[in-house]
């Protein structure tokens, strides 16, 4: 199947997807991975059921599915990459227009985009390499980049960049195209928000109601229909079928989600930068202790509380104490995010103020003026920068350090613009005003985007952590409370088989809840643009789901209502 795909077509798809391997290497790797995964699934089923025919059918079906996925993957990745590049194009075009209006050479402007944290920065780096090392003209390098991205919008953008370069304009065509793209993104965000209400209901149905109905049917319905379901069928349903359905719907939601205009880039999990930000958050809260010491104390307290509660009361609720370090981490992260949001909220006002002070006033006076203004955390950052400049540090360096200390891309790009204007001595009045206007526009899209993503996030958190385990636990309690000895007299199904199936279902359901928590955690973290949060969300969702499931088993929620 995969070998029938044209090598030229595959090579084009791989290039546009940003995958740097040859078509033959991709075909061989895809075939090997598909065979291994298919053998694994079929062997797993055969070892649990000892059914050769069904295992062979699973082998062939899964092999065909994996090969089809291998064919589709480069096309999906190139489309996803193109959409991400399109999502940030308005910001890129505005940045290029702002720098050209400051009379910064066009080639230098392209280099600035290449060194920024855009998805398209790698493409602009290739453009700069073609110009500086390959001897290509700016027009040729931009045209080559357009052929490497499967996007009509990007081709329009490169055409406008070529026009701006050839005519020496100040970027008015680029600004106009950026405005059009912004309006298009707003429309897509509103459309997606409307779809999410339906997808959210469908997700709860797939993840919760269908497994609950399966539980009821497998134990009650199959009794009267005289269908013998084995323990392996429960494992197959809860570890393969239901997670696959959830994963499929999450993939559909991911594909339908418009690419976000990310305004923050979170540091690595427990990295030096993250610890520094947490230390700052603790200091602002009034706690004169480092993040490392606070976490060490919380972990020791959690373990001590867990062990002592187990010894004294011997209760499963003692597991709740283990959430303490996770809760502290999430609270500190929330504190840092609130501070970043405050920085971005006051950023347009600070840029407007800087633009009004530009004529005849040096950058040092601009930094001092913003530091004295009531811009919350942003004024504190500029106060620190002002103190550094008073001590002899370079204003350009202090501005860039403001960006380094925080997680905001908007702040980073604004500080880079100020620093470049300082280094070139250009009149930045109009550039700063336009940048402030851009940030206001970006905020409107980000707010709409955040509103639609919040529906997904809380659906998964509430569903995976509370609704799904409670309903599944309550359903199991209801089903297991039936008198299967009496039912055995009505049917030919032995009560012992039903009881054994129930016990297997109980264990398989808990495994399903853990799997569901992992899927939900990865999905939420991916949507928020911070892969490290998947660990935190999983450590929160999985224990909570298992705790509530066992609580539902013990208390019988239906009997309390």
Protein backbone atom coordinates (compact mmCIF):
# COMPACT_ATOMS: atom_id res chain seq x y z
CA UNK A 1 0.00 0.00 0.00
CA UNK A 2 2.61 2.51 1.08
CA UNK A 3 4.97 1.43 -1.71
CA UNK A 4 2.35 2.40 -4.31
CA UNK A 5 2.78 6.03 -3.26
CA UNK A 6 4.84 8.07 -5.71
CA UNK A 7 8.32 8.89 -4.42
CA UNK A 8 8.07 12.41 -5.87
CA UNK A 9 4.74 13.01 -4.13
CA UNK A 10 6.06 11.59 -0.87
CA UNK A 11 9.25 13.66 -1.14
CA UNK A 12 7.17 16.82 -1.62
CA UNK A 13 4.92 15.95 1.34
CA UNK A 14 7.88 15.22 3.59
CA UNK A 15 9.60 18.47 2.66
CA UNK A 16 6.46 20.53 3.25
CA UNK A 17 5.90 18.71 6.55
CA UNK A 18 9.42 19.61 7.68
CA UNK A 19 10.56 15.95 7.85
CA UNK A 20 14.19 15.66 6.76
CA UNK A 21 14.40 12.03 5.60
CA UNK A 22 14.28 10.47 2.15
CA UNK A 23 11.10 8.81 0.77
CA UNK A 24 12.72 5.36 0.85
CA UNK A 25 13.78 5.80 4.47
CA UNK A 26 10.25 6.86 5.38
CA UNK A 27 8.70 3.89 3.56
CA UNK A 28 11.02 1.36 5.19
CA UNK A 29 10.58 2.85 8.66
CA UNK A 30 6.78 3.02 8.29
CA UNK A 31 6.58 -0.59 7.12
CA UNK A 32 8.77 -1.85 9.99
CA UNK A 33 6.83 0.10 12.63
CA UNK A 34 3.47 -1.04 11.19
CA UNK A 35 4.52 -4.71 11.26
CA UNK A 36 5.86 -4.50 14.82
CA UNK A 37 2.74 -2.75 16.16
CA UNK A 38 0.41 -5.15 14.34
CA UNK A 39 2.27 -8.18 15.66
CA UNK A 40 2.16 -6.72 19.16
CA UNK A 41 -1.62 -6.18 19.11
CA UNK A 42 -2.42 -9.57 17.58
CA UNK A 43 -0.02 -11.39 19.95
CA UNK A 44 -1.53 -9.62 22.93
CA UNK A 45 -5.00 -10.76 21.92
CA UNK A 46 -3.83 -14.31 21.12
CA UNK A 47 -2.08 -14.70 24.50
CA UNK A 48 -5.21 -13.59 26.36
CA UNK A 49 -7.78 -15.58 24.35
CA UNK A 50 -5.85 -18.28 22.45
CA UNK A 51 -8.07 -17.61 19.41
CA UNK A 52 -5.94 -17.93 16.25
CA UNK A 53 -8.50 -16.81 13.67
CA UNK A 54 -9.43 -13.59 15.46
CA UNK A 55 -5.78 -12.81 16.21
CA UNK A 56 -4.94 -13.21 12.50
CA UNK A 57 -7.83 -10.92 11.57
CA UNK A 58 -6.55 -8.31 14.05
CA UNK A 59 -3.06 -8.65 12.56
CA UNK A 60 -4.25 -7.96 9.00
CA UNK A 61 -6.70 -5.22 9.96
CA UNK A 62 -4.20 -3.38 12.18
CA UNK A 63 -1.45 -3.69 9.55
CA UNK A 64 -3.73 -2.12 6.93
CA UNK A 65 -4.73 0.63 9.38
CA UNK A 66 -1.13 1.45 10.33
CA UNK A 67 0.00 1.52 6.69
CA UNK A 68 -2.89 3.82 5.77
CA UNK A 69 -1.93 6.07 8.69
CA UNK A 70 1.67 6.09 7.41
CA UNK A 71 0.47 7.31 4.01
CA UNK A 72 -1.74 9.99 5.55
CA UNK A 73 0.73 11.22 8.17
CA UNK A 74 2.96 13.41 5.92
CA UNK A 75 -0.12 15.07 4.41
CA UNK A 76 -1.59 15.72 7.84
CA UNK A 77 1.72 17.08 9.16
CA UNK A 78 2.30 19.37 6.20
CA UNK A 79 -1.22 20.75 6.51
CA UNK A 80 -0.79 21.23 10.26
CA UNK A 81 2.55 22.99 9.77
CA UNK A 82 1.05 25.24 7.11
CA UNK A 83 -1.85 26.17 9.40
CA UNK A 84 0.50 26.99 12.27
CA UNK A 85 2.58 29.21 10.00
CA UNK A 86 -0.57 30.90 8.71
CA UNK A 87 -1.73 31.53 12.30
CA UNK A 88 1.37 33.57 13.11
CA UNK A 89 1.69 35.28 9.72
CA UNK A 90 -0.12 38.47 10.83
CA UNK A 91 2.44 38.94 13.61
CA UNK A 92 5.36 38.14 11.29
CA UNK A 93 4.14 40.53 8.60
CA UNK A 94 3.56 43.27 11.16
CA UNK A 95 7.06 42.75 12.57
CA UNK A 96 8.62 43.00 9.10
CA UNK A 97 6.53 46.09 8.32
CA UNK A 98 7.52 47.74 11.61
CA UNK A 99 11.23 47.18 11.02
CA UNK A 100 11.14 48.31 7.40
CA UNK A 101 9.41 51.51 8.53
CA UNK A 102 12.41 52.01 10.85
CA UNK A 103 14.64 51.78 7.76
CA UNK A 104 16.26 48.55 8.92
CA UNK A 105 17.64 46.69 5.84
CA UNK A 106 15.25 44.07 4.52
CA UNK A 107 17.84 41.30 4.74
CA UNK A 108 18.48 42.16 8.38
CA UNK A 109 14.73 42.10 9.05
CA UNK A 110 14.54 38.57 7.63
CA UNK A 111 17.40 37.56 9.93
CA UNK A 112 15.48 38.92 12.92
CA UNK A 113 12.45 36.78 12.01
CA UNK A 114 14.75 33.76 11.57
CA UNK A 115 16.13 34.13 15.10
CA UNK A 116 12.71 34.66 16.71
CA UNK A 117 10.53 31.90 18.15
CA UNK A 118 8.09 31.59 15.22
CA UNK A 119 7.07 28.30 13.65
CA UNK A 120 8.26 29.78 10.36
CA UNK A 121 11.64 30.86 11.80
CA UNK A 122 13.29 27.75 10.35
CA UNK A 123 12.02 28.73 6.89
CA UNK A 124 13.31 32.27 7.26
CA UNK A 125 16.63 30.83 8.40
CA UNK A 126 16.76 28.83 5.14
CA UNK A 127 15.92 32.03 3.24
CA UNK A 128 18.81 33.87 4.92
CA UNK A 129 21.20 30.98 4.22
CA UNK A 130 20.23 30.95 0.54
CA UNK A 131 20.91 34.67 0.33
CA UNK A 132 24.16 34.80 2.34
CA UNK A 133 25.71 31.43 1.44
CA UNK A 134 23.95 30.27 -1.70
CA UNK A 135 24.16 33.55 -3.59
CA UNK A 136 20.41 33.69 -4.27
CA UNK A 137 18.56 36.97 -4.51
CA UNK A 138 15.95 37.92 -1.92
CA UNK A 139 13.19 37.32 -4.49
CA UNK A 140 14.49 33.85 -5.37
CA UNK A 141 14.92 32.80 -1.74
CA UNK A 142 11.39 33.94 -0.83
CA UNK A 143 9.95 32.14 -3.88
CA UNK A 144 11.74 28.93 -2.86
CA UNK A 145 10.29 29.23 0.65
CA UNK A 146 6.78 29.59 -0.79
CA UNK A 147 7.20 26.27 -2.62
CA UNK A 148 8.19 24.53 0.62
CA UNK A 149 4.96 25.47 2.44
CA UNK A 150 1.59 24.03 1.40
CA UNK A 151 -0.25 27.32 1.92
CA UNK A 152 -1.80 29.79 -0.51
CA UNK A 153 -1.78 32.37 2.29
CA UNK A 154 1.98 32.00 2.78
CA UNK A 155 2.51 32.35 -0.97
CA UNK A 156 0.50 35.59 -0.89
CA UNK A 157 2.64 36.78 2.01
CA UNK A 158 5.92 36.02 0.23
CA UNK A 159 4.63 37.80 -2.88
CA UNK A 160 3.88 40.88 -0.77
CA UNK A 161 7.33 40.66 0.83
CA UNK A 162 8.93 40.55 -2.61
CA UNK A 163 6.86 43.57 -3.65
CA UNK A 164 7.85 45.48 -0.51
CA UNK A 165 11.52 44.66 -1.10
CA UNK A 166 11.49 45.65 -4.78
CA UNK A 167 9.57 48.90 -4.28
CA UNK A 168 11.28 49.88 -1.02
CA UNK A 169 7.89 50.57 0.58
CA UNK A 170 7.45 50.99 4.32
CA UNK A 171 5.36 47.86 4.56
CA UNK A 172 1.83 49.18 3.96
CA UNK A 173 0.88 46.15 1.76
CA UNK A 174 2.16 43.83 4.48
CA UNK A 175 0.07 45.61 7.14
CA UNK A 176 -3.05 45.38 4.97
CA UNK A 177 -2.58 41.64 4.39
CA UNK A 178 -1.94 41.14 8.13
CA UNK A 179 -5.25 42.86 8.95
CA UNK A 180 -7.11 40.60 6.51
CA UNK A 181 -5.56 37.49 8.04
CA UNK A 182 -6.45 38.67 11.55
CA UNK A 183 -10.12 38.99 10.59
CA UNK A 184 -10.07 35.53 9.02
CA UNK A 185 -8.63 34.02 12.21
CA UNK A 186 -11.31 35.70 14.32
CA UNK A 187 -14.03 34.14 12.14
CA UNK A 188 -12.44 30.67 12.42
CA UNK A 189 -12.18 30.97 16.19
CA UNK A 190 -15.88 31.86 16.54
CA UNK A 191 -16.85 28.96 14.27
CA UNK A 192 -14.79 26.51 16.32
CA UNK A 193 -16.30 27.76 19.59
CA UNK A 194 -19.76 26.90 18.25
CA UNK A 195 -18.64 23.40 17.27
CA UNK A 196 -17.04 22.69 20.64
CA UNK A 197 -20.37 22.50 22.46
CA UNK A 198 -21.41 19.57 20.26
CA UNK A 199 -17.99 17.90 20.40
CA UNK A 200 -17.97 18.23 24.20
CA UNK A 201 -21.26 16.36 24.51
CA UNK A 202 -20.04 13.68 22.11
CA UNK A 203 -16.85 13.29 24.12
CA UNK A 204 -18.75 12.72 27.39
CA UNK A 205 -20.92 10.16 25.58
CA UNK A 206 -17.93 8.23 24.24
CA UNK A 207 -15.86 8.37 27.41
CA UNK A 208 -18.58 7.81 29.98
CA UNK A 209 -22.02 6.72 28.82
CA UNK A 210 -20.93 4.02 26.37
CA UNK A 211 -18.59 2.29 28.89
CA UNK A 212 -21.40 2.45 31.48
CA UNK A 213 -23.92 0.96 29.05
CA UNK A 214 -21.40 -1.75 28.15
CA UNK A 215 -21.12 -2.61 31.83
CA UNK A 216 -24.89 -2.94 32.15
CA UNK A 217 -25.28 -4.90 28.93
CA UNK A 218 -22.35 -7.23 29.63
CA UNK A 219 -23.74 -8.27 33.02
CA UNK A 220 -27.51 -7.99 32.68
CA UNK A 221 -28.38 -7.93 28.99
CA UNK A 222 -26.07 -10.78 28.08
CA UNK A 223 -27.66 -12.88 30.84
CA UNK A 224 -31.02 -12.94 29.12
CA UNK A 225 -29.54 -13.07 25.61
CA UNK A 226 -27.30 -15.96 26.74
CA UNK A 227 -24.13 -14.36 25.35
CA UNK A 228 -21.04 -15.50 27.21
CA UNK A 229 -18.54 -12.64 27.56
CA UNK A 230 -15.09 -13.59 28.80
CA UNK A 231 -12.66 -11.65 30.96
CA UNK A 232 -10.55 -10.96 27.87
CA UNK A 233 -13.54 -9.19 26.30
CA UNK A 234 -13.65 -6.76 29.23
CA UNK A 235 -9.94 -6.03 28.90
CA UNK A 236 -10.31 -5.59 25.14
CA UNK A 237 -13.19 -3.14 25.60
CA UNK A 238 -11.66 -1.04 28.36
CA UNK A 239 -8.04 -1.02 27.23
CA UNK A 240 -8.44 -0.99 23.44
CA UNK A 241 -11.90 -0.11 22.13
CA UNK A 242 -12.93 2.72 24.50
CA UNK A 243 -9.49 4.42 24.66
CA UNK A 244 -9.27 4.17 20.85
CA UNK A 245 -12.67 5.87 20.52
CA UNK A 246 -11.58 8.61 22.93
CA UNK A 247 -8.29 9.05 21.11
CA UNK A 248 -10.06 9.26 17.75
CA UNK A 249 -12.39 12.01 18.97
CA UNK A 250 -9.52 13.91 20.59
CA UNK A 251 -7.62 13.69 17.29
CA UNK A 252 -10.65 15.05 15.43
CA UNK A 253 -10.92 17.94 17.91
CA UNK A 254 -7.19 18.61 17.52
CA UNK A 255 -7.45 18.67 13.73
CA UNK A 256 -10.50 20.95 13.84
CA UNK A 257 -8.89 23.34 16.32
CA UNK A 258 -7.58 26.54 14.69
CA UNK A 259 -3.86 27.01 15.45
CA UNK A 260 -3.35 29.22 18.49
CA UNK A 261 -1.55 32.51 18.50
CA UNK A 262 0.68 31.54 21.38
CA UNK A 263 1.62 34.53 23.53
CA UNK A 264 3.68 32.52 26.01
CA UNK A 265 6.36 29.87 25.83
CA UNK A 266 6.65 27.98 29.09
CA UNK A 267 10.11 26.95 30.35
CA UNK A 268 11.01 23.29 30.74
CA UNK A 269 9.62 21.35 33.67
CA UNK A 270 11.58 22.26 36.86
CA UNK A 271 14.18 24.09 34.77
CA UNK A 272 16.37 26.83 36.24
CA UNK A 273 14.16 29.52 34.71
CA UNK A 274 10.96 27.97 36.10
CA UNK A 275 12.48 27.71 39.58
CA UNK A 276 13.53 31.36 39.39
CA UNK A 277 9.99 32.38 38.46
CA UNK A 278 8.56 30.27 41.30
CA UNK A 279 11.04 31.88 43.73
CA UNK A 280 9.82 35.28 42.57
CA UNK A 281 6.19 34.19 43.04
CA UNK A 282 6.93 32.98 46.58
CA UNK A 283 8.69 36.24 47.38
CA UNK A 284 5.73 38.31 46.14
CA UNK A 285 3.42 36.13 48.24
CA UNK A 286 5.46 36.94 51.33
CA UNK A 287 7.18 33.56 51.72
CA UNK A 288 10.94 34.01 52.19
CA UNK A 289 11.91 30.52 51.06
CA UNK A 290 13.07 28.95 47.83
CA UNK A 291 10.89 26.78 45.66
CA UNK A 292 13.16 23.78 46.27
CA UNK A 293 12.80 24.02 50.06
CA UNK A 294 9.03 24.56 49.86
CA UNK A 295 8.60 21.48 47.65
CA UNK A 296 10.84 19.38 49.91
CA UNK A 297 8.75 20.34 52.95
CA UNK A 298 5.47 19.67 51.11
CA UNK A 299 6.63 16.23 49.92
CA UNK A 300 7.79 15.29 53.43
CA UNK A 301 4.51 16.54 54.91
CA UNK A 302 2.46 14.65 52.30
CA UNK A 303 4.28 11.36 52.92
CA UNK A 304 4.11 11.76 56.70
CA UNK A 305 0.38 12.57 56.61
CA UNK A 306 -0.29 9.62 54.29
CA UNK A 307 1.55 7.12 56.47
CA UNK A 308 0.13 8.38 59.77
CA UNK A 309 -3.44 8.41 58.43
CA UNK A 310 -3.04 4.88 57.13
CA UNK A 311 -1.76 3.67 60.51
CA UNK A 312 -4.35 5.46 62.66
CA UNK A 313 -7.48 5.31 60.50
CA UNK A 314 -6.54 2.76 57.81
CA UNK A 315 -8.54 4.62 55.16
CA UNK A 316 -8.08 4.99 51.43
CA UNK A 317 -8.80 8.72 51.70
CA UNK A 318 -5.29 9.22 53.04
CA UNK A 319 -4.19 9.22 49.37
CA UNK A 320 -5.60 12.76 49.16
CA UNK A 321 -2.57 14.01 51.12
CA UNK A 322 -0.32 12.99 48.23
CA UNK A 323 -1.90 15.77 46.15
CA UNK A 324 -0.21 18.45 48.30
CA UNK A 325 3.02 18.86 46.23
CA UNK A 326 1.00 18.86 43.00
CA UNK A 327 -1.39 21.50 44.36
CA UNK A 328 1.52 23.71 45.45
CA UNK A 329 3.13 23.39 42.01
CA UNK A 330 -0.15 24.26 40.27
CA UNK A 331 -0.73 27.24 42.57
CA UNK A 332 2.74 28.62 41.89
CA UNK A 333 2.29 28.06 38.17
CA UNK A 334 -1.03 29.90 38.34
CA UNK A 335 0.70 32.76 40.17
CA UNK A 336 3.36 32.99 37.45
CA UNK A 337 0.74 32.88 34.69
CA UNK A 338 -1.24 35.67 36.37
CA UNK A 339 1.91 37.77 36.49
CA UNK A 340 2.59 37.11 32.80
CA UNK A 341 -0.99 38.08 31.98
CA UNK A 342 -0.50 41.33 33.90
CA UNK A 343 2.69 42.05 31.97
CA UNK A 344 0.88 41.59 28.66
CA UNK A 345 -2.19 43.55 29.77
CA UNK A 346 -0.14 46.69 30.43
CA UNK A 347 2.24 46.19 27.49
CA UNK A 348 0.21 48.16 24.88
CA UNK A 349 -0.10 51.12 27.29
CA UNK A 350 3.64 51.07 27.90
CA UNK A 351 4.34 51.01 24.16
CA UNK A 352 1.95 53.91 23.55
CA UNK A 353 3.74 55.83 26.29
CA UNK A 354 7.14 54.97 24.81
CA UNK A 355 6.00 56.13 21.35
CA UNK A 356 4.87 59.51 22.75
CA UNK A 357 8.30 59.97 24.38
CA UNK A 358 10.41 58.92 21.43
CA UNK A 359 11.13 62.28 19.81
CA UNK A 360 14.10 63.89 21.54
CA UNK A 361 14.15 61.52 24.52
CA UNK A 362 16.68 58.73 24.94
CA UNK A 363 15.90 55.13 25.69
CA UNK A 364 17.11 55.54 29.30
CA UNK A 365 14.45 58.19 29.94
CA UNK A 366 11.83 55.95 28.30
CA UNK A 367 12.75 53.07 30.62
CA UNK A 368 12.60 55.39 33.64
CA UNK A 369 9.21 56.79 32.58
CA UNK A 370 7.64 53.32 32.25
CA UNK A 371 9.20 52.28 35.57
CA UNK A 372 7.48 55.19 37.33
CA UNK A 373 4.10 54.43 35.78
CA UNK A 374 1.53 52.23 37.49
CA UNK A 375 1.78 49.24 35.20
CA UNK A 376 1.99 46.61 37.91
CA UNK A 377 4.51 43.84 37.25
CA UNK A 378 5.64 45.55 34.03
CA UNK A 379 6.69 48.70 35.92
CA UNK A 380 8.57 46.49 38.39
CA UNK A 381 10.49 44.92 35.51
CA UNK A 382 11.35 48.34 34.08
CA UNK A 383 12.34 49.56 37.56
CA UNK A 384 14.84 46.71 37.74
CA UNK A 385 16.03 47.56 34.21
CA UNK A 386 16.38 51.24 35.17
CA UNK A 387 18.49 50.32 38.19
CA UNK A 388 20.73 48.22 35.96
CA UNK A 389 21.23 51.07 33.48
CA UNK A 390 22.04 53.40 36.39
CA UNK A 391 24.71 50.90 37.43
CA UNK A 392 26.25 51.07 33.96
CA UNK A 393 24.55 48.22 32.11
CA UNK A 394 23.61 48.62 28.45
CA UNK A 395 19.94 49.68 27.95
CA UNK A 396 19.72 47.24 25.04
CA UNK A 397 20.89 44.37 27.27
CA UNK A 398 18.52 45.27 30.13
CA UNK A 399 15.54 45.33 27.73
CA UNK A 400 16.37 41.87 26.41
CA UNK A 401 16.79 40.58 29.97
CA UNK A 402 13.21 41.63 30.73
CA UNK A 403 12.09 39.20 28.02
CA UNK A 404 14.42 36.45 29.26
CA UNK A 405 12.97 36.58 32.78
CA UNK A 406 9.39 36.04 31.61
CA UNK A 407 7.35 33.66 29.43
CA UNK A 408 5.63 36.12 27.09
CA UNK A 409 6.35 36.11 23.37
CA UNK A 410 4.56 39.44 23.03
CA UNK A 411 6.82 40.96 25.67
CA UNK A 412 9.90 39.39 24.09
CA UNK A 413 9.15 40.76 20.63
CA UNK A 414 8.29 44.21 22.00
CA UNK A 415 11.57 44.37 23.94
CA UNK A 416 13.47 43.21 20.86
CA UNK A 417 11.82 46.00 18.85
CA UNK A 418 12.83 48.59 21.46
CA UNK A 419 16.37 47.19 21.61
CA UNK A 420 16.76 47.22 17.82
CA UNK A 421 15.43 50.75 17.61
CA UNK A 422 17.96 51.80 20.23
CA UNK A 423 20.83 50.12 18.38
CA UNK A 424 19.89 51.70 15.02
CA UNK A 425 18.92 55.10 16.38
CA UNK A 426 15.74 55.05 14.27
CA UNK A 427 12.57 57.04 14.93
CA UNK A 428 10.32 54.43 16.49
CA UNK A 429 7.22 56.49 17.19
CA UNK A 430 5.01 54.97 14.51
CA UNK A 431 6.51 51.47 14.92
CA UNK A 432 5.70 51.40 18.64
CA UNK A 433 2.15 52.67 18.10
CA UNK A 434 1.50 50.03 15.45
CA UNK A 435 3.00 47.31 17.66
CA UNK A 436 0.66 48.36 20.49
CA UNK A 437 -2.30 48.21 18.08
CA UNK A 438 -1.17 44.76 16.97
CA UNK A 439 -1.06 43.52 20.56
CA UNK A 440 -4.60 44.76 21.17
CA UNK A 441 -5.75 42.86 18.07
CA UNK A 442 -3.86 39.73 19.10
CA UNK A 443 -5.44 39.91 22.55
CA UNK A 444 -8.92 39.86 21.06
CA UNK A 445 -8.11 36.66 19.14
CA UNK A 446 -6.34 35.09 22.11
CA UNK A 447 -9.30 35.81 24.39
CA UNK A 448 -11.72 34.19 21.94
CA UNK A 449 -9.31 31.32 21.53
CA UNK A 450 -8.93 30.91 25.29
CA UNK A 451 -12.71 30.87 25.73
CA UNK A 452 -13.12 28.00 23.25
CA UNK A 453 -10.17 26.07 24.70
CA UNK A 454 -11.57 26.51 28.22
CA UNK A 455 -14.60 24.45 27.18
CA UNK A 456 -12.32 21.61 26.10
CA UNK A 457 -10.13 21.88 29.18
CA UNK A 458 -12.89 21.85 31.77
CA UNK A 459 -14.83 19.17 29.90
CA UNK A 460 -11.81 16.91 30.14
CA UNK A 461 -10.95 17.84 33.73
CA UNK A 462 -14.49 17.49 35.02
CA UNK A 463 -15.23 14.47 32.84
CA UNK A 464 -11.99 12.57 33.44
CA UNK A 465 -11.59 13.49 37.08
CA UNK A 466 -15.17 13.51 38.39
CA UNK A 467 -18.08 12.60 36.09
CA UNK A 468 -16.67 9.48 34.37
CA UNK A 469 -15.36 7.71 37.52
CA UNK A 470 -18.49 8.47 39.57
CA UNK A 471 -20.88 7.21 36.87
CA UNK A 472 -18.82 4.09 36.15
CA UNK A 473 -18.44 3.35 39.86
CA UNK A 474 -22.14 3.87 40.51
CA UNK A 475 -23.10 1.70 37.53
CA UNK A 476 -20.83 -1.08 38.74
CA UNK A 477 -22.35 -0.89 42.23
CA UNK A 478 -25.84 -1.13 40.76
CA UNK A 479 -24.97 -4.09 38.53
CA UNK A 480 -22.99 -6.01 41.16
CA UNK A 481 -25.81 -5.69 43.71
CA UNK A 482 -28.09 -7.94 41.64
CA UNK A 483 -28.81 -11.48 42.80
CA UNK A 484 -27.11 -13.58 40.12
CA UNK A 485 -28.03 -16.79 41.92
CA UNK A 486 -31.69 -16.06 41.22
CA UNK A 487 -30.89 -15.12 37.63
CA UNK A 488 -29.08 -18.44 37.20
CA UNK A 489 -32.34 -20.24 37.85
CA UNK A 490 -33.98 -18.26 35.01
CA UNK A 491 -31.15 -18.73 32.49
CA UNK A 492 -28.38 -21.17 31.72
CA UNK A 493 -25.64 -18.69 32.58
CA UNK A 494 -23.70 -19.72 35.72
CA UNK A 495 -23.63 -17.05 38.43
CA UNK A 496 -19.91 -17.72 39.01
CA UNK A 497 -19.12 -16.61 35.45
CA UNK A 498 -21.01 -13.33 35.95
CA UNK A 499 -19.25 -12.69 39.24
CA UNK A 500 -15.83 -13.37 37.70
CA UNK A 501 -16.66 -11.12 34.77
CA UNK A 502 -17.68 -8.36 37.19
CA UNK A 503 -14.39 -8.57 39.08
CA UNK A 504 -12.47 -8.37 35.82
CA UNK A 505 -14.59 -5.40 34.74
CA UNK A 506 -13.84 -3.66 38.03
CA UNK A 507 -10.09 -3.94 37.48
CA UNK A 508 -10.30 -3.15 33.75
CA UNK A 509 -12.38 -0.02 34.47
CA UNK A 510 -9.69 1.34 36.78
CA UNK A 511 -7.08 0.71 34.09
CA UNK A 512 -9.36 2.54 31.64
CA UNK A 513 -9.64 5.52 34.00
CA UNK A 514 -5.84 5.75 34.23
CA UNK A 515 -5.55 5.51 30.43
CA UNK A 516 -8.26 8.13 29.99
CA UNK A 517 -6.46 10.43 32.45
CA UNK A 518 -3.24 10.09 30.44
CA UNK A 519 -5.01 10.92 27.15
CA UNK A 520 -6.81 13.90 28.69
CA UNK A 521 -3.61 15.19 30.31
CA UNK A 522 -1.61 15.04 27.08
CA UNK A 523 -4.42 16.68 25.11
CA UNK A 524 -4.88 19.58 27.57
CA UNK A 525 -1.13 20.17 27.81
CA UNK A 526 -0.81 20.17 24.03
CA UNK A 527 -3.64 22.68 23.66
CA UNK A 528 -2.00 24.94 26.24
CA UNK A 529 1.33 24.72 24.44
CA UNK A 530 3.18 23.22 27.41
CA UNK A 531 4.00 19.52 27.13
CA UNK A 532 5.45 19.42 30.66
CA UNK A 533 2.00 20.06 32.13
CA UNK A 534 0.85 16.64 30.90
CA UNK A 535 2.70 15.06 33.86
CA UNK A 536 1.08 17.46 36.32
CA UNK A 537 -2.42 16.97 34.89
CA UNK A 538 -1.99 13.19 34.87
CA UNK A 539 -0.77 13.13 38.48
CA UNK A 540 -3.87 15.13 39.37
CA UNK A 541 -6.47 13.37 37.18
CA UNK A 542 -5.48 9.72 37.60
CA UNK A 543 -5.46 9.55 41.45
CA UNK A 544 -8.61 11.71 41.66
CA UNK A 545 -10.46 9.49 39.17
CA UNK A 546 -9.43 6.28 40.96
CA UNK A 547 -10.27 7.79 44.35
CA UNK A 548 -13.77 8.86 43.25
CA UNK A 549 -14.36 5.53 41.49
CA UNK A 550 -13.59 3.57 44.66
CA UNK A 551 -15.61 6.09 46.67
CA UNK A 552 -18.59 5.47 44.36
CA UNK A 553 -18.12 1.73 44.84
CA UNK A 554 -18.08 2.09 48.61
CA UNK A 555 -20.90 4.59 49.12
CA UNK A 556 -23.38 3.73 46.33
CA UNK A 557 -24.28 7.22 45.16
CA UNK A 558 -27.65 6.10 43.83
CA UNK A 559 -28.70 4.90 47.27
CA UNK A 560 -27.96 8.35 48.72
CA UNK A 561 -30.21 10.20 46.29
